[in-house]
């Protein structure tokens, strides 16, 4: 089987002060996504950023601008939009007496999905610590509500699995019929207080899945490329990009997402694998044909 490469173009966690090469504007994000596709990525995972500050954004028009720019140049590239924003923030914002909360409703978190109808959207299931004073909160009900909304436009949720508890939540949603399509599993390895980014942990994670499941994995920071190799060895697909890691090698910043994709291509092909095109990835991931 050929290997599908996803490129996570900009994310929400990487800060502009960490690297001058982080795409911020819709033009920069779309251009970086298209370059990643030229380098071998079949899928691009998209967040958007406030153009002035570089901070993560949920602005509908920024998503629309990025998607329109990509589709204008490449109609085959698979677009994966995030639904993560609206679940993570400082714990003090949800304590009694807080003037406002960072939490957003399922409807707010999926508005851009319902309007833009991407091929895939990421779906977080976890509630976990994020730094000393940060927290991510996803209730089972909110996840179920988001899936039901996403399904109305034919978008496939990519199940983000940060630890074994997330897997068990996903399995419960499969068992009760909320998830009624072939699941697409994504293992997030090396996020603090989640899975360790080790071969043993990835092996354990993939063995939880039903036989024949389609999964992908990515590693954070220095473990990005080792997890590329390990996921391939276990029969999985891979993700790289500036969302997860800003270095091409130790001490050398990646100037583009395409450089990270090209390195993943070299690793996979030198191990004996081959890379799936966007058209091939649609079949592998059981996605609808491109419009």
Protein backbone atom coordinates (compact mmCIF):
# COMPACT_ATOMS: atom_id res chain seq x y z
CA UNK A 1 0.00 0.00 0.00
CA UNK A 2 1.20 3.50 -0.77
CA UNK A 3 1.75 5.98 2.04
CA UNK A 4 -0.38 9.11 2.41
CA UNK A 5 1.47 12.21 3.61
CA UNK A 6 -0.46 14.96 5.37
CA UNK A 7 1.15 18.38 5.82
CA UNK A 8 0.02 20.37 8.89
CA UNK A 9 0.77 23.81 7.53
CA UNK A 10 0.65 26.24 10.46
CA UNK A 11 -1.36 24.90 13.42
CA UNK A 12 -2.29 26.85 16.53
CA UNK A 13 0.59 26.09 18.89
CA UNK A 14 3.66 27.18 16.94
CA UNK A 15 4.39 30.85 17.64
CA UNK A 16 5.64 33.39 15.09
CA UNK A 17 8.49 34.33 17.43
CA UNK A 18 9.77 30.74 17.26
CA UNK A 19 10.41 30.90 13.52
CA UNK A 20 10.20 33.60 10.85
CA UNK A 21 9.01 30.98 8.34
CA UNK A 22 5.60 30.25 9.86
CA UNK A 23 2.77 30.96 7.37
CA UNK A 24 0.40 33.58 8.78
CA UNK A 25 -1.71 35.23 6.06
CA UNK A 26 -4.20 33.31 3.90
CA UNK A 27 -1.90 33.81 0.92
CA UNK A 28 1.09 32.43 2.84
CA UNK A 29 -0.88 29.46 4.20
CA UNK A 30 -2.33 28.57 0.79
CA UNK A 31 1.02 28.98 -0.98
CA UNK A 32 2.74 26.81 1.63
CA UNK A 33 0.02 24.16 1.25
CA UNK A 34 0.40 24.11 -2.53
CA UNK A 35 4.19 23.84 -2.23
CA UNK A 36 3.75 20.93 0.18
CA UNK A 37 1.52 19.21 -2.37
CA UNK A 38 4.18 19.65 -5.04
CA UNK A 39 6.68 18.03 -2.66
CA UNK A 40 4.48 14.98 -2.11
CA UNK A 41 1.70 15.77 0.38
CA UNK A 42 -1.70 14.37 -0.60
CA UNK A 43 -3.50 16.19 2.23
CA UNK A 44 -3.07 19.60 3.84
CA UNK A 45 -4.30 20.24 7.38
CA UNK A 46 -5.35 23.85 7.79
CA UNK A 47 -5.61 26.28 10.70
CA UNK A 48 -5.84 30.04 10.18
CA UNK A 49 -4.13 32.94 11.91
CA UNK A 50 -4.93 36.53 12.80
CA UNK A 51 -3.16 38.44 10.06
CA UNK A 52 -2.01 41.25 12.36
CA UNK A 53 -0.90 39.26 15.42
CA UNK A 54 -0.24 35.75 14.10
CA UNK A 55 -2.41 34.33 16.88
CA UNK A 56 -4.77 31.41 16.16
CA UNK A 57 -8.10 32.49 14.70
CA UNK A 58 -11.56 31.08 14.04
CA UNK A 59 -12.42 33.74 11.44
CA UNK A 60 -14.70 32.22 8.81
CA UNK A 61 -13.48 34.51 6.04
CA UNK A 62 -9.85 33.56 6.65
CA UNK A 63 -10.76 29.88 6.19
CA UNK A 64 -12.72 30.73 3.05
CA UNK A 65 -9.82 32.72 1.61
CA UNK A 66 -7.32 29.89 2.19
CA UNK A 67 -9.60 27.19 0.76
CA UNK A 68 -10.48 29.28 -2.30
CA UNK A 69 -6.81 29.98 -3.02
CA UNK A 70 -5.90 26.30 -2.78
CA UNK A 71 -8.80 25.10 -4.93
CA UNK A 72 -8.06 27.70 -7.57
CA UNK A 73 -4.63 26.14 -8.15
CA UNK A 74 -5.14 22.46 -7.23
CA UNK A 75 -8.56 20.82 -7.39
CA UNK A 76 -7.29 17.36 -6.37
CA UNK A 77 -5.48 18.27 -3.15
CA UNK A 78 -7.36 16.93 -0.11
CA UNK A 79 -8.24 19.67 2.37
CA UNK A 80 -8.45 18.88 6.07
CA UNK A 81 -9.75 21.76 8.20
CA UNK A 82 -9.30 21.85 11.96
CA UNK A 83 -12.16 21.89 14.45
CA UNK A 84 -9.80 22.11 17.42
CA UNK A 85 -10.12 25.85 18.24
CA UNK A 86 -12.71 26.62 20.87
CA UNK A 87 -11.66 23.84 23.25
CA UNK A 88 -8.29 24.94 24.64
CA UNK A 89 -7.33 27.86 26.86
CA UNK A 90 -6.30 28.97 30.37
CA UNK A 91 -8.04 27.09 33.15
CA UNK A 92 -8.75 30.39 34.96
CA UNK A 93 -11.14 31.26 32.13
CA UNK A 94 -13.54 28.48 33.14
CA UNK A 95 -13.38 28.90 36.92
CA UNK A 96 -16.32 30.43 38.82
CA UNK A 97 -16.42 34.19 38.38
CA UNK A 98 -14.48 34.24 35.11
CA UNK A 99 -15.79 37.08 32.90
CA UNK A 100 -15.73 34.90 29.76
CA UNK A 101 -14.72 31.46 28.59
CA UNK A 102 -12.63 30.22 25.67
CA UNK A 103 -15.06 27.35 25.13
CA UNK A 104 -17.18 27.47 21.98
CA UNK A 105 -20.26 25.49 21.04
CA UNK A 106 -20.20 22.59 18.57
CA UNK A 107 -22.04 24.84 16.13
CA UNK A 108 -19.40 27.56 16.41
CA UNK A 109 -16.54 25.07 16.07
CA UNK A 110 -17.96 23.51 12.92
CA UNK A 111 -19.39 26.58 11.16
CA UNK A 112 -16.54 26.68 8.63
CA UNK A 113 -16.94 22.95 7.99
CA UNK A 114 -20.63 23.31 7.19
CA UNK A 115 -20.03 26.24 4.85
CA UNK A 116 -16.82 25.14 3.10
CA UNK A 117 -17.45 21.37 3.08
CA UNK A 118 -13.83 20.13 3.19
CA UNK A 119 -12.92 16.52 2.48
CA UNK A 120 -11.76 15.89 6.06
CA UNK A 121 -11.82 17.74 9.35
CA UNK A 122 -9.85 16.92 12.46
CA UNK A 123 -11.91 15.95 15.50
CA UNK A 124 -10.48 16.08 19.02
CA UNK A 125 -12.04 13.81 21.62
CA UNK A 126 -9.75 14.50 24.54
CA UNK A 127 -9.83 16.46 27.77
CA UNK A 128 -6.27 16.96 28.99
CA UNK A 129 -3.74 19.35 30.50
CA UNK A 130 -2.02 21.82 28.17
CA UNK A 131 0.90 23.37 30.00
CA UNK A 132 0.95 24.41 33.66
CA UNK A 133 -2.27 26.47 33.48
CA UNK A 134 -3.90 25.38 30.23
CA UNK A 135 -6.55 22.78 29.56
CA UNK A 136 -8.38 21.21 26.62
CA UNK A 137 -12.02 20.29 27.20
CA UNK A 138 -14.06 18.08 24.88
CA UNK A 139 -17.10 16.38 26.35
CA UNK A 140 -18.46 13.22 24.79
CA UNK A 141 -21.69 15.06 24.06
CA UNK A 142 -19.89 17.92 22.30
CA UNK A 143 -17.90 15.43 20.21
CA UNK A 144 -21.10 13.59 19.29
CA UNK A 145 -22.83 16.85 18.36
CA UNK A 146 -19.88 17.92 16.20
CA UNK A 147 -19.80 14.58 14.37
CA UNK A 148 -23.52 14.79 13.65
CA UNK A 149 -23.08 18.29 12.23
CA UNK A 150 -20.03 17.30 10.17
CA UNK A 151 -21.85 14.32 8.65
CA UNK A 152 -24.57 16.56 7.17
CA UNK A 153 -22.11 17.90 4.58
CA UNK A 154 -20.33 14.63 3.80
CA UNK A 155 -17.10 15.58 5.58
CA UNK A 156 -15.07 12.74 7.13
CA UNK A 157 -13.83 13.27 10.69
CA UNK A 158 -10.19 12.44 11.36
CA UNK A 159 -10.14 11.10 14.92
CA UNK A 160 -7.26 12.71 16.84
CA UNK A 161 -6.04 10.18 19.39
CA UNK A 162 -3.76 11.66 22.05
CA UNK A 163 -3.99 8.76 24.49
CA UNK A 164 -5.81 5.49 25.04
CA UNK A 165 -8.80 7.21 26.65
CA UNK A 166 -9.46 9.02 23.37
CA UNK A 167 -9.53 5.68 21.59
CA UNK A 168 -12.13 4.32 24.00
CA UNK A 169 -14.32 7.41 23.51
CA UNK A 170 -14.05 7.00 19.74
CA UNK A 171 -14.93 3.33 20.00
CA UNK A 172 -18.00 4.18 22.06
CA UNK A 173 -19.10 6.63 19.34
CA UNK A 174 -18.59 3.92 16.73
CA UNK A 175 -20.53 1.39 18.80
CA UNK A 176 -23.54 3.70 19.21
CA UNK A 177 -23.60 4.55 15.49
CA UNK A 178 -22.52 8.18 15.78
CA UNK A 179 -19.48 7.35 13.64
CA UNK A 180 -20.95 5.27 10.84
CA UNK A 181 -18.17 5.38 8.25
CA UNK A 182 -14.78 3.69 8.11
CA UNK A 183 -12.86 5.62 10.80
CA UNK A 184 -9.74 7.58 9.97
CA UNK A 185 -7.42 7.42 12.98
CA UNK A 186 -4.64 9.93 13.69
CA UNK A 187 -2.19 9.24 16.52
CA UNK A 188 -0.66 12.39 18.00
CA UNK A 189 2.63 11.23 19.52
CA UNK A 190 4.72 13.23 21.94
CA UNK A 191 2.21 15.86 23.09
CA UNK A 192 3.00 16.36 26.76
CA UNK A 193 0.67 14.36 29.03
CA UNK A 194 -0.43 12.24 26.08
CA UNK A 195 1.23 9.34 24.22
CA UNK A 196 5.01 9.05 24.43
CA UNK A 197 6.66 9.34 21.01
CA UNK A 198 8.28 5.91 21.14
CA UNK A 199 8.05 2.79 18.96
CA UNK A 200 6.60 0.82 21.87
CA UNK A 201 3.82 3.34 22.47
CA UNK A 202 2.89 3.62 18.79
CA UNK A 203 2.83 -0.16 18.57
CA UNK A 204 0.48 -0.31 21.56
CA UNK A 205 -1.73 2.41 20.08
CA UNK A 206 -2.14 0.80 16.69
CA UNK A 207 -2.84 -2.60 18.27
CA UNK A 208 -5.90 -1.08 19.96
CA UNK A 209 -7.51 -0.58 16.56
CA UNK A 210 -9.74 -3.15 14.86
CA UNK A 211 -7.93 -5.27 12.28
CA UNK A 212 -7.56 -3.51 8.95
CA UNK A 213 -8.00 0.02 10.32
CA UNK A 214 -6.47 2.94 8.44
CA UNK A 215 -4.28 5.08 10.67
CA UNK A 216 -1.73 7.85 10.49
CA UNK A 217 0.68 9.22 13.08
CA UNK A 218 2.80 12.26 13.73
CA UNK A 219 5.52 13.14 16.22
CA UNK A 220 6.16 16.48 17.90
CA UNK A 221 9.46 18.34 17.61
CA UNK A 222 12.56 16.18 17.26
CA UNK A 223 10.38 13.07 17.03
CA UNK A 224 8.62 14.16 13.84
CA UNK A 225 10.81 12.21 11.40
CA UNK A 226 11.39 9.16 13.66
CA UNK A 227 7.62 8.74 13.86
CA UNK A 228 7.44 9.02 10.05
CA UNK A 229 9.68 5.99 9.81
CA UNK A 230 7.97 4.12 12.64
CA UNK A 231 4.45 4.70 11.35
CA UNK A 232 5.49 3.46 7.91
CA UNK A 233 7.07 0.35 9.42
CA UNK A 234 3.79 -0.39 11.21
CA UNK A 235 1.75 0.04 8.03
CA UNK A 236 0.48 3.52 8.81
CA UNK A 237 0.42 6.87 7.07
CA UNK A 238 2.27 10.00 8.19
CA UNK A 239 2.00 13.69 8.95
CA UNK A 240 4.66 16.39 9.00
CA UNK A 241 4.62 20.19 8.96
CA UNK A 242 5.39 23.39 10.82
CA UNK A 243 2.44 22.81 13.16
CA UNK A 244 4.34 19.91 14.71
CA UNK A 245 8.03 20.75 14.23
CA UNK A 246 9.97 23.78 12.98
CA UNK A 247 13.37 22.14 12.37
CA UNK A 248 14.66 20.41 9.25
CA UNK A 249 17.52 18.99 11.31
CA UNK A 250 19.04 19.81 14.68
CA UNK A 251 19.55 23.58 14.89
CA UNK A 252 18.38 24.22 11.30
CA UNK A 253 14.98 25.82 10.88
CA UNK A 254 12.81 24.52 8.06
CA UNK A 255 12.16 27.40 5.69
CA UNK A 256 9.07 25.80 4.16
CA UNK A 257 6.62 23.02 4.80
CA UNK A 258 7.72 21.58 1.47
CA UNK A 259 11.18 20.89 2.93
CA UNK A 260 9.62 18.79 5.70
CA UNK A 261 7.41 16.93 3.24
CA UNK A 262 10.38 16.25 0.96
CA UNK A 263 12.33 14.82 3.89
CA UNK A 264 9.42 12.52 4.77
CA UNK A 265 9.27 11.39 1.13
CA UNK A 266 13.00 10.54 1.23
CA UNK A 267 12.64 8.54 4.45
CA UNK A 268 9.70 6.52 3.15
CA UNK A 269 11.13 5.84 -0.30
CA UNK A 270 14.57 4.93 1.07
CA UNK A 271 12.86 2.41 3.35
CA UNK A 272 11.23 0.91 0.28
CA UNK A 273 7.84 2.60 0.32
CA UNK A 274 6.03 4.74 -2.22
CA UNK A 275 3.97 7.91 -1.90
CA UNK A 276 0.24 8.20 -2.60
CA UNK A 277 -1.11 10.97 -4.78
CA UNK A 278 -4.20 12.90 -3.69
CA UNK A 279 -6.31 10.79 -6.07
CA UNK A 280 -4.91 7.57 -4.58
CA UNK A 281 -5.35 8.90 -1.04
CA UNK A 282 -9.07 9.41 -1.67
CA UNK A 283 -9.41 5.68 -2.26
CA UNK A 284 -7.15 4.69 0.65
CA UNK A 285 -9.05 6.94 3.09
CA UNK A 286 -12.49 6.19 1.60
CA UNK A 287 -13.19 9.80 0.67
CA UNK A 288 -15.65 11.20 -1.85
CA UNK A 289 -14.29 12.14 -5.30
CA UNK A 290 -13.00 15.70 -5.71
CA UNK A 291 -15.50 18.27 -6.95
